[in-house]
PDBML (XML) file of the C-alpha atoms, coordinates in Angstrom:
<?xml version="1.0" encoding="UTF-8" ?>
<PDBx:datablock datablockName="MODEL"
   xmlns:PDBx="http://pdbml.pdb.org/schema/pdbx-v50.xsd"
   xmlns:xsi="http://www.w3.org/2001/XMLSchema-instance"
   xsi:schemaLocation="http://pdbml.pdb.org/schema/pdbx-v50.xsd pdbx-v50.xsd">
   <PDBx:atom_siteCategory>
      <PDBx:atom_site id="1">
         <PDBx:B_iso_or_equiv>0.00</PDBx:B_iso_or_equiv>
         <PDBx:Cartn_x>23.762</PDBx:Cartn_x>
         <PDBx:Cartn_y>3.901</PDBx:Cartn_y>
         <PDBx:Cartn_z>8.363</PDBx:Cartn_z>
         <PDBx:auth_asym_id>A</PDBx:auth_asym_id>
         <PDBx:auth_atom_id>CA</PDBx:auth_atom_id>
         <PDBx:auth_comp_id>SER</PDBx:auth_comp_id>
         <PDBx:auth_seq_id>1</PDBx:auth_seq_id>
         <PDBx:group_PDB>ATOM</PDBx:group_PDB>
         <PDBx:label_alt_id xsi:nil="true" />
         <PDBx:label_asym_id>A</PDBx:label_asym_id>
         <PDBx:label_atom_id>CA</PDBx:label_atom_id>
         <PDBx:label_comp_id>SER</PDBx:label_comp_id>
         <PDBx:label_entity_id>1</PDBx:label_entity_id>
         <PDBx:label_seq_id>1</PDBx:label_seq_id>
         <PDBx:occupancy>1.00</PDBx:occupancy>
         <PDBx:pdbx_PDB_model_num>1</PDBx:pdbx_PDB_model_num>
         <PDBx:type_symbol>C</PDBx:type_symbol>
      </PDBx:atom_site>
      <PDBx:atom_site id="2">
         <PDBx:B_iso_or_equiv>0.00</PDBx:B_iso_or_equiv>
         <PDBx:Cartn_x>23.044</PDBx:Cartn_x>
         <PDBx:Cartn_y>3.683</PDBx:Cartn_y>
         <PDBx:Cartn_z>12.090</PDBx:Cartn_z>
         <PDBx:auth_asym_id>A</PDBx:auth_asym_id>
         <PDBx:auth_atom_id>CA</PDBx:auth_atom_id>
         <PDBx:auth_comp_id>GLY</PDBx:auth_comp_id>
         <PDBx:auth_seq_id>2</PDBx:auth_seq_id>
         <PDBx:group_PDB>ATOM</PDBx:group_PDB>
         <PDBx:label_alt_id xsi:nil="true" />
         <PDBx:label_asym_id>A</PDBx:label_asym_id>
         <PDBx:label_atom_id>CA</PDBx:label_atom_id>
         <PDBx:label_comp_id>GLY</PDBx:label_comp_id>
         <PDBx:label_entity_id>1</PDBx:label_entity_id>
         <PDBx:label_seq_id>2</PDBx:label_seq_id>
         <PDBx:occupancy>1.00</PDBx:occupancy>
         <PDBx:pdbx_PDB_model_num>1</PDBx:pdbx_PDB_model_num>
         <PDBx:type_symbol>C</PDBx:type_symbol>
      </PDBx:atom_site>
      <PDBx:atom_site id="3">
         <PDBx:B_iso_or_equiv>0.00</PDBx:B_iso_or_equiv>
         <PDBx:Cartn_x>21.583</PDBx:Cartn_x>
         <PDBx:Cartn_y>0.194</PDBx:Cartn_y>
         <PDBx:Cartn_z>12.395</PDBx:Cartn_z>
         <PDBx:auth_asym_id>A</PDBx:auth_asym_id>
         <PDBx:auth_atom_id>CA</PDBx:auth_atom_id>
         <PDBx:auth_comp_id>GLY</PDBx:auth_comp_id>
         <PDBx:auth_seq_id>3</PDBx:auth_seq_id>
         <PDBx:group_PDB>ATOM</PDBx:group_PDB>
         <PDBx:label_alt_id xsi:nil="true" />
         <PDBx:label_asym_id>A</PDBx:label_asym_id>
         <PDBx:label_atom_id>CA</PDBx:label_atom_id>
         <PDBx:label_comp_id>GLY</PDBx:label_comp_id>
         <PDBx:label_entity_id>1</PDBx:label_entity_id>
         <PDBx:label_seq_id>3</PDBx:label_seq_id>
         <PDBx:occupancy>1.00</PDBx:occupancy>
         <PDBx:pdbx_PDB_model_num>1</PDBx:pdbx_PDB_model_num>
         <PDBx:type_symbol>C</PDBx:type_symbol>
      </PDBx:atom_site>
      <PDBx:atom_site id="4">
         <PDBx:B_iso_or_equiv>0.00</PDBx:B_iso_or_equiv>
         <PDBx:Cartn_x>22.607</PDBx:Cartn_x>
         <PDBx:Cartn_y>-2.187</PDBx:Cartn_y>
         <PDBx:Cartn_z>15.129</PDBx:Cartn_z>
         <PDBx:auth_asym_id>A</PDBx:auth_asym_id>
         <PDBx:auth_atom_id>CA</PDBx:auth_atom_id>
         <PDBx:auth_comp_id>GLY</PDBx:auth_comp_id>
         <PDBx:auth_seq_id>4</PDBx:auth_seq_id>
         <PDBx:group_PDB>ATOM</PDBx:group_PDB>
         <PDBx:label_alt_id xsi:nil="true" />
         <PDBx:label_asym_id>A</PDBx:label_asym_id>
         <PDBx:label_atom_id>CA</PDBx:label_atom_id>
         <PDBx:label_comp_id>GLY</PDBx:label_comp_id>
         <PDBx:label_entity_id>1</PDBx:label_entity_id>
         <PDBx:label_seq_id>4</PDBx:label_seq_id>
         <PDBx:occupancy>1.00</PDBx:occupancy>
         <PDBx:pdbx_PDB_model_num>1</PDBx:pdbx_PDB_model_num>
         <PDBx:type_symbol>C</PDBx:type_symbol>
      </PDBx:atom_site>
      <PDBx:atom_site id="5">
         <PDBx:B_iso_or_equiv>0.00</PDBx:B_iso_or_equiv>
         <PDBx:Cartn_x>21.515</PDBx:Cartn_x>
         <PDBx:Cartn_y>-4.172</PDBx:Cartn_y>
         <PDBx:Cartn_z>18.160</PDBx:Cartn_z>
         <PDBx:auth_asym_id>A</PDBx:auth_asym_id>
         <PDBx:auth_atom_id>CA</PDBx:auth_atom_id>
         <PDBx:auth_comp_id>LEU</PDBx:auth_comp_id>
         <PDBx:auth_seq_id>5</PDBx:auth_seq_id>
         <PDBx:group_PDB>ATOM</PDBx:group_PDB>
         <PDBx:label_alt_id xsi:nil="true" />
         <PDBx:label_asym_id>A</PDBx:label_asym_id>
         <PDBx:label_atom_id>CA</PDBx:label_atom_id>
         <PDBx:label_comp_id>LEU</PDBx:label_comp_id>
         <PDBx:label_entity_id>1</PDBx:label_entity_id>
         <PDBx:label_seq_id>5</PDBx:label_seq_id>
         <PDBx:occupancy>1.00</PDBx:occupancy>
         <PDBx:pdbx_PDB_model_num>1</PDBx:pdbx_PDB_model_num>
         <PDBx:type_symbol>C</PDBx:type_symbol>
      </PDBx:atom_site>
      <PDBx:atom_site id="6">
         <PDBx:B_iso_or_equiv>0.00</PDBx:B_iso_or_equiv>
         <PDBx:Cartn_x>19.343</PDBx:Cartn_x>
         <PDBx:Cartn_y>-2.539</PDBx:Cartn_y>
         <PDBx:Cartn_z>20.822</PDBx:Cartn_z>
         <PDBx:auth_asym_id>A</PDBx:auth_asym_id>
         <PDBx:auth_atom_id>CA</PDBx:auth_atom_id>
         <PDBx:auth_comp_id>GLU</PDBx:auth_comp_id>
         <PDBx:auth_seq_id>6</PDBx:auth_seq_id>
         <PDBx:group_PDB>ATOM</PDBx:group_PDB>
         <PDBx:label_alt_id xsi:nil="true" />
         <PDBx:label_asym_id>A</PDBx:label_asym_id>
         <PDBx:label_atom_id>CA</PDBx:label_atom_id>
         <PDBx:label_comp_id>GLU</PDBx:label_comp_id>
         <PDBx:label_entity_id>1</PDBx:label_entity_id>
         <PDBx:label_seq_id>6</PDBx:label_seq_id>
         <PDBx:occupancy>1.00</PDBx:occupancy>
         <PDBx:pdbx_PDB_model_num>1</PDBx:pdbx_PDB_model_num>
         <PDBx:type_symbol>C</PDBx:type_symbol>
      </PDBx:atom_site>
      <PDBx:atom_site id="7">
         <PDBx:B_iso_or_equiv>0.00</PDBx:B_iso_or_equiv>
         <PDBx:Cartn_x>17.225</PDBx:Cartn_x>
         <PDBx:Cartn_y>-3.743</PDBx:Cartn_y>
         <PDBx:Cartn_z>23.720</PDBx:Cartn_z>
         <PDBx:auth_asym_id>A</PDBx:auth_asym_id>
         <PDBx:auth_atom_id>CA</PDBx:auth_atom_id>
         <PDBx:auth_comp_id>GLN</PDBx:auth_comp_id>
         <PDBx:auth_seq_id>7</PDBx:auth_seq_id>
         <PDBx:group_PDB>ATOM</PDBx:group_PDB>
         <PDBx:label_alt_id xsi:nil="true" />
         <PDBx:label_asym_id>A</PDBx:label_asym_id>
         <PDBx:label_atom_id>CA</PDBx:label_atom_id>
         <PDBx:label_comp_id>GLN</PDBx:label_comp_id>
         <PDBx:label_entity_id>1</PDBx:label_entity_id>
         <PDBx:label_seq_id>7</PDBx:label_seq_id>
         <PDBx:occupancy>1.00</PDBx:occupancy>
         <PDBx:pdbx_PDB_model_num>1</PDBx:pdbx_PDB_model_num>
         <PDBx:type_symbol>C</PDBx:type_symbol>
      </PDBx:atom_site>
      <PDBx:atom_site id="8">
         <PDBx:B_iso_or_equiv>0.00</PDBx:B_iso_or_equiv>
         <PDBx:Cartn_x>13.463</PDBx:Cartn_x>
         <PDBx:Cartn_y>-3.308</PDBx:Cartn_y>
         <PDBx:Cartn_z>23.839</PDBx:Cartn_z>
         <PDBx:auth_asym_id>A</PDBx:auth_asym_id>
         <PDBx:auth_atom_id>CA</PDBx:auth_atom_id>
         <PDBx:auth_comp_id>ALA</PDBx:auth_comp_id>
         <PDBx:auth_seq_id>8</PDBx:auth_seq_id>
         <PDBx:group_PDB>ATOM</PDBx:group_PDB>
         <PDBx:label_alt_id xsi:nil="true" />
         <PDBx:label_asym_id>A</PDBx:label_asym_id>
         <PDBx:label_atom_id>CA</PDBx:label_atom_id>
         <PDBx:label_comp_id>ALA</PDBx:label_comp_id>
         <PDBx:label_entity_id>1</PDBx:label_entity_id>
         <PDBx:label_seq_id>8</PDBx:label_seq_id>
         <PDBx:occupancy>1.00</PDBx:occupancy>
         <PDBx:pdbx_PDB_model_num>1</PDBx:pdbx_PDB_model_num>
         <PDBx:type_symbol>C</PDBx:type_symbol>
      </PDBx:atom_site>
      <PDBx:atom_site id="9">
         <PDBx:B_iso_or_equiv>0.00</PDBx:B_iso_or_equiv>
         <PDBx:Cartn_x>12.607</PDBx:Cartn_x>
         <PDBx:Cartn_y>0.195</PDBx:Cartn_y>
         <PDBx:Cartn_z>25.025</PDBx:Cartn_z>
         <PDBx:auth_asym_id>A</PDBx:auth_asym_id>
         <PDBx:auth_atom_id>CA</PDBx:auth_atom_id>
         <PDBx:auth_comp_id>GLY</PDBx:auth_comp_id>
         <PDBx:auth_seq_id>9</PDBx:auth_seq_id>
         <PDBx:group_PDB>ATOM</PDBx:group_PDB>
         <PDBx:label_alt_id xsi:nil="true" />
         <PDBx:label_asym_id>A</PDBx:label_asym_id>
         <PDBx:label_atom_id>CA</PDBx:label_atom_id>
         <PDBx:label_comp_id>GLY</PDBx:label_comp_id>
         <PDBx:label_entity_id>1</PDBx:label_entity_id>
         <PDBx:label_seq_id>9</PDBx:label_seq_id>
         <PDBx:occupancy>1.00</PDBx:occupancy>
         <PDBx:pdbx_PDB_model_num>1</PDBx:pdbx_PDB_model_num>
         <PDBx:type_symbol>C</PDBx:type_symbol>
      </PDBx:atom_site>
      <PDBx:atom_site id="10">
         <PDBx:B_iso_or_equiv>0.00</PDBx:B_iso_or_equiv>
         <PDBx:Cartn_x>15.845</PDBx:Cartn_x>
         <PDBx:Cartn_y>1.632</PDBx:Cartn_y>
         <PDBx:Cartn_z>23.675</PDBx:Cartn_z>
         <PDBx:auth_asym_id>A</PDBx:auth_asym_id>
         <PDBx:auth_atom_id>CA</PDBx:auth_atom_id>
         <PDBx:auth_comp_id>GLY</PDBx:auth_comp_id>
         <PDBx:auth_seq_id>10</PDBx:auth_seq_id>
         <PDBx:group_PDB>ATOM</PDBx:group_PDB>
         <PDBx:label_alt_id xsi:nil="true" />
         <PDBx:label_asym_id>A</PDBx:label_asym_id>
         <PDBx:label_atom_id>CA</PDBx:label_atom_id>
         <PDBx:label_comp_id>GLY</PDBx:label_comp_id>
         <PDBx:label_entity_id>1</PDBx:label_entity_id>
         <PDBx:label_seq_id>10</PDBx:label_seq_id>
         <PDBx:occupancy>1.00</PDBx:occupancy>
         <PDBx:pdbx_PDB_model_num>1</PDBx:pdbx_PDB_model_num>
         <PDBx:type_symbol>C</PDBx:type_symbol>
      </PDBx:atom_site>
      <PDBx:atom_site id="11">
         <PDBx:B_iso_or_equiv>0.00</PDBx:B_iso_or_equiv>
         <PDBx:Cartn_x>16.556</PDBx:Cartn_x>
         <PDBx:Cartn_y>4.004</PDBx:Cartn_y>
         <PDBx:Cartn_z>20.799</PDBx:Cartn_z>
         <PDBx:auth_asym_id>A</PDBx:auth_asym_id>
         <PDBx:auth_atom_id>CA</PDBx:auth_atom_id>
         <PDBx:auth_comp_id>SER</PDBx:auth_comp_id>
         <PDBx:auth_seq_id>11</PDBx:auth_seq_id>
         <PDBx:group_PDB>ATOM</PDBx:group_PDB>
         <PDBx:label_alt_id xsi:nil="true" />
         <PDBx:label_asym_id>A</PDBx:label_asym_id>
         <PDBx:label_atom_id>CA</PDBx:label_atom_id>
         <PDBx:label_comp_id>SER</PDBx:label_comp_id>
         <PDBx:label_entity_id>1</PDBx:label_entity_id>
         <PDBx:label_seq_id>11</PDBx:label_seq_id>
         <PDBx:occupancy>1.00</PDBx:occupancy>
         <PDBx:pdbx_PDB_model_num>1</PDBx:pdbx_PDB_model_num>
         <PDBx:type_symbol>C</PDBx:type_symbol>
      </PDBx:atom_site>
      <PDBx:atom_site id="12">
         <PDBx:B_iso_or_equiv>0.00</PDBx:B_iso_or_equiv>
         <PDBx:Cartn_x>18.435</PDBx:Cartn_x>
         <PDBx:Cartn_y>4.104</PDBx:Cartn_y>
         <PDBx:Cartn_z>17.509</PDBx:Cartn_z>
         <PDBx:auth_asym_id>A</PDBx:auth_asym_id>
         <PDBx:auth_atom_id>CA</PDBx:auth_atom_id>
         <PDBx:auth_comp_id>LEU</PDBx:auth_comp_id>
         <PDBx:auth_seq_id>12</PDBx:auth_seq_id>
         <PDBx:group_PDB>ATOM</PDBx:group_PDB>
         <PDBx:label_alt_id xsi:nil="true" />
         <PDBx:label_asym_id>A</PDBx:label_asym_id>
         <PDBx:label_atom_id>CA</PDBx:label_atom_id>
         <PDBx:label_comp_id>LEU</PDBx:label_comp_id>
         <PDBx:label_entity_id>1</PDBx:label_entity_id>
         <PDBx:label_seq_id>12</PDBx:label_seq_id>
         <PDBx:occupancy>1.00</PDBx:occupancy>
         <PDBx:pdbx_PDB_model_num>1</PDBx:pdbx_PDB_model_num>
         <PDBx:type_symbol>C</PDBx:type_symbol>
      </PDBx:atom_site>
      <PDBx:atom_site id="13">
         <PDBx:B_iso_or_equiv>0.00</PDBx:B_iso_or_equiv>
         <PDBx:Cartn_x>18.839</PDBx:Cartn_x>
         <PDBx:Cartn_y>6.789</PDBx:Cartn_y>
         <PDBx:Cartn_z>14.855</PDBx:Cartn_z>
         <PDBx:auth_asym_id>A</PDBx:auth_asym_id>
         <PDBx:auth_atom_id>CA</PDBx:auth_atom_id>
         <PDBx:auth_comp_id>ARG</PDBx:auth_comp_id>
         <PDBx:auth_seq_id>13</PDBx:auth_seq_id>
         <PDBx:group_PDB>ATOM</PDBx:group_PDB>
         <PDBx:label_alt_id xsi:nil="true" />
         <PDBx:label_asym_id>A</PDBx:label_asym_id>
         <PDBx:label_atom_id>CA</PDBx:label_atom_id>
         <PDBx:label_comp_id>ARG</PDBx:label_comp_id>
         <PDBx:label_entity_id>1</PDBx:label_entity_id>
         <PDBx:label_seq_id>13</PDBx:label_seq_id>
         <PDBx:occupancy>1.00</PDBx:occupancy>
         <PDBx:pdbx_PDB_model_num>1</PDBx:pdbx_PDB_model_num>
         <PDBx:type_symbol>C</PDBx:type_symbol>
      </PDBx:atom_site>
      <PDBx:atom_site id="14">
         <PDBx:B_iso_or_equiv>0.00</PDBx:B_iso_or_equiv>
         <PDBx:Cartn_x>19.153</PDBx:Cartn_x>
         <PDBx:Cartn_y>5.811</PDBx:Cartn_y>
         <PDBx:Cartn_z>11.216</PDBx:Cartn_z>
         <PDBx:auth_asym_id>A</PDBx:auth_asym_id>
         <PDBx:auth_atom_id>CA</PDBx:auth_atom_id>
         <PDBx:auth_comp_id>LEU</PDBx:auth_comp_id>
         <PDBx:auth_seq_id>14</PDBx:auth_seq_id>
         <PDBx:group_PDB>ATOM</PDBx:group_PDB>
         <PDBx:label_alt_id xsi:nil="true" />
         <PDBx:label_asym_id>A</PDBx:label_asym_id>
         <PDBx:label_atom_id>CA</PDBx:label_atom_id>
         <PDBx:label_comp_id>LEU</PDBx:label_comp_id>
         <PDBx:label_entity_id>1</PDBx:label_entity_id>
         <PDBx:label_seq_id>14</PDBx:label_seq_id>
         <PDBx:occupancy>1.00</PDBx:occupancy>
         <PDBx:pdbx_PDB_model_num>1</PDBx:pdbx_PDB_model_num>
         <PDBx:type_symbol>C</PDBx:type_symbol>
      </PDBx:atom_site>
      <PDBx:atom_site id="15">
         <PDBx:B_iso_or_equiv>0.00</PDBx:B_iso_or_equiv>
         <PDBx:Cartn_x>20.671</PDBx:Cartn_x>
         <PDBx:Cartn_y>8.111</PDBx:Cartn_y>
         <PDBx:Cartn_z>8.596</PDBx:Cartn_z>
         <PDBx:auth_asym_id>A</PDBx:auth_asym_id>
         <PDBx:auth_atom_id>CA</PDBx:auth_atom_id>
         <PDBx:auth_comp_id>SER</PDBx:auth_comp_id>
         <PDBx:auth_seq_id>15</PDBx:auth_seq_id>
         <PDBx:group_PDB>ATOM</PDBx:group_PDB>
         <PDBx:label_alt_id xsi:nil="true" />
         <PDBx:label_asym_id>A</PDBx:label_asym_id>
         <PDBx:label_atom_id>CA</PDBx:label_atom_id>
         <PDBx:label_comp_id>SER</PDBx:label_comp_id>
         <PDBx:label_entity_id>1</PDBx:label_entity_id>
         <PDBx:label_seq_id>15</PDBx:label_seq_id>
         <PDBx:occupancy>1.00</PDBx:occupancy>
         <PDBx:pdbx_PDB_model_num>1</PDBx:pdbx_PDB_model_num>
         <PDBx:type_symbol>C</PDBx:type_symbol>
      </PDBx:atom_site>
      <PDBx:atom_site id="16">
         <PDBx:B_iso_or_equiv>0.00</PDBx:B_iso_or_equiv>
         <PDBx:Cartn_x>20.164</PDBx:Cartn_x>
         <PDBx:Cartn_y>8.210</PDBx:Cartn_y>
         <PDBx:Cartn_z>4.836</PDBx:Cartn_z>
         <PDBx:auth_asym_id>A</PDBx:auth_asym_id>
         <PDBx:auth_atom_id>CA</PDBx:auth_atom_id>
         <PDBx:auth_comp_id>CYS</PDBx:auth_comp_id>
         <PDBx:auth_seq_id>16</PDBx:auth_seq_id>
         <PDBx:group_PDB>ATOM</PDBx:group_PDB>
         <PDBx:label_alt_id xsi:nil="true" />
         <PDBx:label_asym_id>A</PDBx:label_asym_id>
         <PDBx:label_atom_id>CA</PDBx:label_atom_id>
         <PDBx:label_comp_id>CYS</PDBx:label_comp_id>
         <PDBx:label_entity_id>1</PDBx:label_entity_id>
         <PDBx:label_seq_id>16</PDBx:label_seq_id>
         <PDBx:occupancy>1.00</PDBx:occupancy>
         <PDBx:pdbx_PDB_model_num>1</PDBx:pdbx_PDB_model_num>
         <PDBx:type_symbol>C</PDBx:type_symbol>
      </PDBx:atom_site>
      <PDBx:atom_site id="17">
         <PDBx:B_iso_or_equiv>0.00</PDBx:B_iso_or_equiv>
         <PDBx:Cartn_x>22.753</PDBx:Cartn_x>
         <PDBx:Cartn_y>10.216</PDBx:Cartn_y>
         <PDBx:Cartn_z>2.920</PDBx:Cartn_z>
         <PDBx:auth_asym_id>A</PDBx:auth_asym_id>
         <PDBx:auth_atom_id>CA</PDBx:auth_atom_id>
         <PDBx:auth_comp_id>ALA</PDBx:auth_comp_id>
         <PDBx:auth_seq_id>17</PDBx:auth_seq_id>
         <PDBx:group_PDB>ATOM</PDBx:group_PDB>
         <PDBx:label_alt_id xsi:nil="true" />
         <PDBx:label_asym_id>A</PDBx:label_asym_id>
         <PDBx:label_atom_id>CA</PDBx:label_atom_id>
         <PDBx:label_comp_id>ALA</PDBx:label_comp_id>
         <PDBx:label_entity_id>1</PDBx:label_entity_id>
         <PDBx:label_seq_id>17</PDBx:label_seq_id>
         <PDBx:occupancy>1.00</PDBx:occupancy>
         <PDBx:pdbx_PDB_model_num>1</PDBx:pdbx_PDB_model_num>
         <PDBx:type_symbol>C</PDBx:type_symbol>
      </PDBx:atom_site>
      <PDBx:atom_site id="18">
         <PDBx:B_iso_or_equiv>0.00</PDBx:B_iso_or_equiv>
         <PDBx:Cartn_x>21.593</PDBx:Cartn_x>
         <PDBx:Cartn_y>11.158</PDBx:Cartn_y>
         <PDBx:Cartn_z>-0.578</PDBx:Cartn_z>
         <PDBx:auth_asym_id>A</PDBx:auth_asym_id>
         <PDBx:auth_atom_id>CA</PDBx:auth_atom_id>
         <PDBx:auth_comp_id>ALA</PDBx:auth_comp_id>
         <PDBx:auth_seq_id>18</PDBx:auth_seq_id>
         <PDBx:group_PDB>ATOM</PDBx:group_PDB>
         <PDBx:label_alt_id xsi:nil="true" />
         <PDBx:label_asym_id>A</PDBx:label_asym_id>
         <PDBx:label_atom_id>CA</PDBx:label_atom_id>
         <PDBx:label_comp_id>ALA</PDBx:label_comp_id>
         <PDBx:label_entity_id>1</PDBx:label_entity_id>
         <PDBx:label_seq_id>18</PDBx:label_seq_id>
         <PDBx:occupancy>1.00</PDBx:occupancy>
         <PDBx:pdbx_PDB_model_num>1</PDBx:pdbx_PDB_model_num>
         <PDBx:type_symbol>C</PDBx:type_symbol>
      </PDBx:atom_site>
      <PDBx:atom_site id="19">
         <PDBx:B_iso_or_equiv>0.00</PDBx:B_iso_or_equiv>
         <PDBx:Cartn_x>23.849</PDBx:Cartn_x>
         <PDBx:Cartn_y>11.994</PDBx:Cartn_y>
         <PDBx:Cartn_z>-3.511</PDBx:Cartn_z>
         <PDBx:auth_asym_id>A</PDBx:auth_asym_id>
         <PDBx:auth_atom_id>CA</PDBx:auth_atom_id>
         <PDBx:auth_comp_id>SER</PDBx:auth_comp_id>
         <PDBx:auth_seq_id>19</PDBx:auth_seq_id>
         <PDBx:group_PDB>ATOM</PDBx:group_PDB>
         <PDBx:label_alt_id xsi:nil="true" />
         <PDBx:label_asym_id>A</PDBx:label_asym_id>
         <PDBx:label_atom_id>CA</PDBx:label_atom_id>
         <PDBx:label_comp_id>SER</PDBx:label_comp_id>
         <PDBx:label_entity_id>1</PDBx:label_entity_id>
         <PDBx:label_seq_id>19</PDBx:label_seq_id>
         <PDBx:occupancy>1.00</PDBx:occupancy>
         <PDBx:pdbx_PDB_model_num>1</PDBx:pdbx_PDB_model_num>
         <PDBx:type_symbol>C</PDBx:type_symbol>
      </PDBx:atom_site>
      <PDBx:atom_site id="20">
         <PDBx:B_iso_or_equiv>0.00</PDBx:B_iso_or_equiv>
         <PDBx:Cartn_x>21.546</PDBx:Cartn_x>
         <PDBx:Cartn_y>14.134</PDBx:Cartn_y>
         <PDBx:Cartn_z>-5.643</PDBx:Cartn_z>
         <PDBx:auth_asym_id>A</PDBx:auth_asym_id>
         <PDBx:auth_atom_id>CA</PDBx:auth_atom_id>
         <PDBx:auth_comp_id>VAL</PDBx:auth_comp_id>
         <PDBx:auth_seq_id>20</PDBx:auth_seq_id>
         <PDBx:group_PDB>ATOM</PDBx:group_PDB>
         <PDBx:label_alt_id xsi:nil="true" />
         <PDBx:label_asym_id>A</PDBx:label_asym_id>
         <PDBx:label_atom_id>CA</PDBx:label_atom_id>
         <PDBx:label_comp_id>VAL</PDBx:label_comp_id>
         <PDBx:label_entity_id>1</PDBx:label_entity_id>
         <PDBx:label_seq_id>20</PDBx:label_seq_id>
         <PDBx:occupancy>1.00</PDBx:occupancy>
         <PDBx:pdbx_PDB_model_num>1</PDBx:pdbx_PDB_model_num>
         <PDBx:type_symbol>C</PDBx:type_symbol>
      </PDBx:atom_site>
      <PDBx:atom_site id="21">
         <PDBx:B_iso_or_equiv>0.00</PDBx:B_iso_or_equiv>
         <PDBx:Cartn_x>21.700</PDBx:Cartn_x>
         <PDBx:Cartn_y>17.412</PDBx:Cartn_y>
         <PDBx:Cartn_z>-7.544</PDBx:Cartn_z>
         <PDBx:auth_asym_id>A</PDBx:auth_asym_id>
         <PDBx:auth_atom_id>CA</PDBx:auth_atom_id>
         <PDBx:auth_comp_id>ARG</PDBx:auth_comp_id>
         <PDBx:auth_seq_id>21</PDBx:auth_seq_id>
         <PDBx:group_PDB>ATOM</PDBx:group_PDB>
         <PDBx:label_alt_id xsi:nil="true" />
         <PDBx:label_asym_id>A</PDBx:label_asym_id>
         <PDBx:label_atom_id>CA</PDBx:label_atom_id>
         <PDBx:label_comp_id>ARG</PDBx:label_comp_id>
         <PDBx:label_entity_id>1</PDBx:label_entity_id>
         <PDBx:label_seq_id>21</PDBx:label_seq_id>
         <PDBx:occupancy>1.00</PDBx:occupancy>
         <PDBx:pdbx_PDB_model_num>1</PDBx:pdbx_PDB_model_num>
         <PDBx:type_symbol>C</PDBx:type_symbol>
      </PDBx:atom_site>
      <PDBx:atom_site id="22">
         <PDBx:B_iso_or_equiv>0.00</PDBx:B_iso_or_equiv>
         <PDBx:Cartn_x>18.474</PDBx:Cartn_x>
         <PDBx:Cartn_y>18.946</PDBx:Cartn_y>
         <PDBx:Cartn_z>-6.215</PDBx:Cartn_z>
         <PDBx:auth_asym_id>A</PDBx:auth_asym_id>
         <PDBx:auth_atom_id>CA</PDBx:auth_atom_id>
         <PDBx:auth_comp_id>THR</PDBx:auth_comp_id>
         <PDBx:auth_seq_id>22</PDBx:auth_seq_id>
         <PDBx:group_PDB>ATOM</PDBx:group_PDB>
         <PDBx:label_alt_id xsi:nil="true" />
         <PDBx:label_asym_id>A</PDBx:label_asym_id>
         <PDBx:label_atom_id>CA</PDBx:label_atom_id>
         <PDBx:label_comp_id>THR</PDBx:label_comp_id>
         <PDBx:label_entity_id>1</PDBx:label_entity_id>
         <PDBx:label_seq_id>22</PDBx:label_seq_id>
         <PDBx:occupancy>1.00</PDBx:occupancy>
         <PDBx:pdbx_PDB_model_num>1</PDBx:pdbx_PDB_model_num>
         <PDBx:type_symbol>C</PDBx:type_symbol>
      </PDBx:atom_site>
      <PDBx:atom_site id="23">
         <PDBx:B_iso_or_equiv>0.00</PDBx:B_iso_or_equiv>
         <PDBx:Cartn_x>17.607</PDBx:Cartn_x>
         <PDBx:Cartn_y>17.446</PDBx:Cartn_y>
         <PDBx:Cartn_z>-2.835</PDBx:Cartn_z>
         <PDBx:auth_asym_id>A</PDBx:auth_asym_id>
         <PDBx:auth_atom_id>CA</PDBx:auth_atom_id>
         <PDBx:auth_comp_id>PHE</PDBx:auth_comp_id>
         <PDBx:auth_seq_id>23</PDBx:auth_seq_id>
         <PDBx:group_PDB>ATOM</PDBx:group_PDB>
         <PDBx:label_alt_id xsi:nil="true" />
         <PDBx:label_asym_id>A</PDBx:label_asym_id>
         <PDBx:label_atom_id>CA</PDBx:label_atom_id>
         <PDBx:label_comp_id>PHE</PDBx:label_comp_id>
         <PDBx:label_entity_id>1</PDBx:label_entity_id>
         <PDBx:label_seq_id>23</PDBx:label_seq_id>
         <PDBx:occupancy>1.00</PDBx:occupancy>
         <PDBx:pdbx_PDB_model_num>1</PDBx:pdbx_PDB_model_num>
         <PDBx:type_symbol>C</PDBx:type_symbol>
      </PDBx:atom_site>
      <PDBx:atom_site id="24">
         <PDBx:B_iso_or_equiv>0.00</PDBx:B_iso_or_equiv>
         <PDBx:Cartn_x>14.499</PDBx:Cartn_x>
         <PDBx:Cartn_y>19.615</PDBx:Cartn_y>
         <PDBx:Cartn_z>-2.454</PDBx:Cartn_z>
         <PDBx:auth_asym_id>A</PDBx:auth_asym_id>
         <PDBx:auth_atom_id>CA</PDBx:auth_atom_id>
         <PDBx:auth_comp_id>SER</PDBx:auth_comp_id>
         <PDBx:auth_seq_id>24</PDBx:auth_seq_id>
         <PDBx:group_PDB>ATOM</PDBx:group_PDB>
         <PDBx:label_alt_id xsi:nil="true" />
         <PDBx:label_asym_id>A</PDBx:label_asym_id>
         <PDBx:label_atom_id>CA</PDBx:label_atom_id>
         <PDBx:label_comp_id>SER</PDBx:label_comp_id>
         <PDBx:label_entity_id>1</PDBx:label_entity_id>
         <PDBx:label_seq_id>24</PDBx:label_seq_id>
         <PDBx:occupancy>1.00</PDBx:occupancy>
         <PDBx:pdbx_PDB_model_num>1</PDBx:pdbx_PDB_model_num>
         <PDBx:type_symbol>C</PDBx:type_symbol>
      </PDBx:atom_site>
   </PDBx:atom_siteCategory>
</PDBx:datablock>
């Protein structure tokens, strides 16, 4: 999640949510 439209020089933050038993 977190994608979108941004102008050059700007910022975005993407997230990746994981459904797992042992994340580490």
